[in-house]
Amino acid sequence: MMKKKISILGYGFIGKNILASYLTDAYEVSIFDRKACPDHLIGRVNWFQGTFNNTQLLAEAILEADVVYHLISSTVPADDI
């Protein structure tokens, strides 16, 4: 059976909670975030560290994904716009 490929763009509060439901043998998960991969996820997910402006790396993170969660924002809730 082929694994479903899931890409999560943004590993904030929502991204962490979505990931929790996909950490099984049935899914191959890629995470794209500006921060480094947390130690507890090394070897469990495909981690892509970069910014949303790095379109080549972003394209690699979503390559052949069955589902993509776009959770990246250029602001945080406390920012004034």
Protein backbone atom coordinates (compact mmCIF):
# COMPACT_ATOMS: atom_id res chain seq x y z
CA MET A 1 0.00 0.00 0.00
CA MET A 2 1.37 3.42 -0.96
CA LYS A 3 1.65 6.03 1.75
CA LYS A 4 -0.36 9.22 1.36
CA LYS A 5 1.91 12.26 1.08
CA ILE A 6 1.00 15.17 3.32
CA SER A 7 2.71 18.59 3.28
CA ILE A 8 2.24 21.03 6.13
CA LEU A 9 3.47 24.54 5.39
CA GLY A 10 4.00 26.16 8.77
CA TYR A 11 4.75 24.41 12.05
CA GLY A 12 3.00 26.72 14.48
CA PHE A 13 0.16 25.85 16.84
CA ILE A 14 -2.17 24.57 14.11
CA GLY A 15 0.57 22.80 12.15
CA LYS A 16 1.76 20.93 15.25
CA ASN A 17 -1.75 19.72 15.99
CA ILE A 18 -2.41 18.64 12.40
CA LEU A 19 0.89 16.76 12.32
CA ALA A 20 -0.06 14.77 15.41
CA SER A 21 -2.86 13.05 13.50
CA TYR A 22 -0.55 12.07 10.61
CA LEU A 23 2.38 10.56 12.53
CA THR A 24 1.51 6.99 11.56
CA ASP A 25 2.95 4.51 9.10
CA ALA A 26 0.17 5.33 6.62
CA TYR A 27 1.53 8.82 5.84
CA GLU A 28 4.71 10.41 4.57
CA VAL A 29 4.76 13.91 6.03
CA SER A 30 6.76 16.94 4.89
CA ILE A 31 7.00 20.08 7.00
CA PHE A 32 8.09 23.47 5.64
CA ASP A 33 8.97 26.04 8.29
CA ARG A 34 11.48 28.80 8.94
CA LYS A 35 12.70 27.12 12.13
CA ALA A 36 14.92 24.05 12.42
CA CYS A 37 13.43 20.59 12.87
CA PRO A 38 12.73 19.77 16.51
CA ASP A 39 14.81 16.86 17.80
CA HIS A 40 11.78 14.66 18.45
CA LEU A 41 10.79 14.80 14.74
CA ILE A 42 14.17 14.00 13.18
CA GLY A 43 13.75 10.89 11.07
CA ARG A 44 9.96 10.93 11.43
CA VAL A 45 9.16 13.69 8.89
CA ASN A 46 10.80 15.32 5.88
CA TRP A 47 11.76 18.77 7.16
CA PHE A 48 12.35 21.76 4.88
CA GLN A 49 13.76 24.84 6.60
CA GLY A 50 13.30 28.09 4.72
CA THR A 51 11.14 31.09 4.10
CA PHE A 52 8.08 31.37 1.89
CA ASN A 53 10.17 33.42 -0.56
CA ASN A 54 12.33 30.38 -1.34
CA THR A 55 10.07 29.02 -4.07
CA GLN A 56 12.42 26.21 -5.10
CA LEU A 57 12.53 24.74 -1.59
CA LEU A 58 8.80 25.28 -1.21
CA ALA A 59 8.19 23.37 -4.46
CA GLU A 60 10.29 20.48 -3.14
CA ALA A 61 8.26 20.40 0.08
CA ILE A 62 4.96 19.99 -1.77
CA LEU A 63 6.19 17.77 -4.62
CA GLU A 64 3.70 14.94 -5.27
CA ALA A 65 1.73 15.76 -2.11
CA ASP A 66 -1.79 14.37 -1.92
CA VAL A 67 -2.79 17.05 0.61
CA VAL A 68 -1.19 20.43 1.37
CA TYR A 69 -2.02 22.51 4.45
CA HIS A 70 -1.01 26.14 3.86
CA LEU A 71 -0.58 27.66 7.32
CA ILE A 72 2.17 30.19 6.60
CA SER A 73 1.48 33.80 7.47
CA SER A 74 3.63 36.88 7.11
CA THR A 75 2.26 38.24 10.38
CA VAL A 76 1.61 36.93 13.85
CA PRO A 77 -1.53 37.68 15.86
CA ALA A 78 0.22 40.37 17.92
CA ASP A 79 1.42 42.34 14.86
CA ASP A 80 -0.14 45.66 14.01
CA ILE A 81 -0.97 45.98 10.34
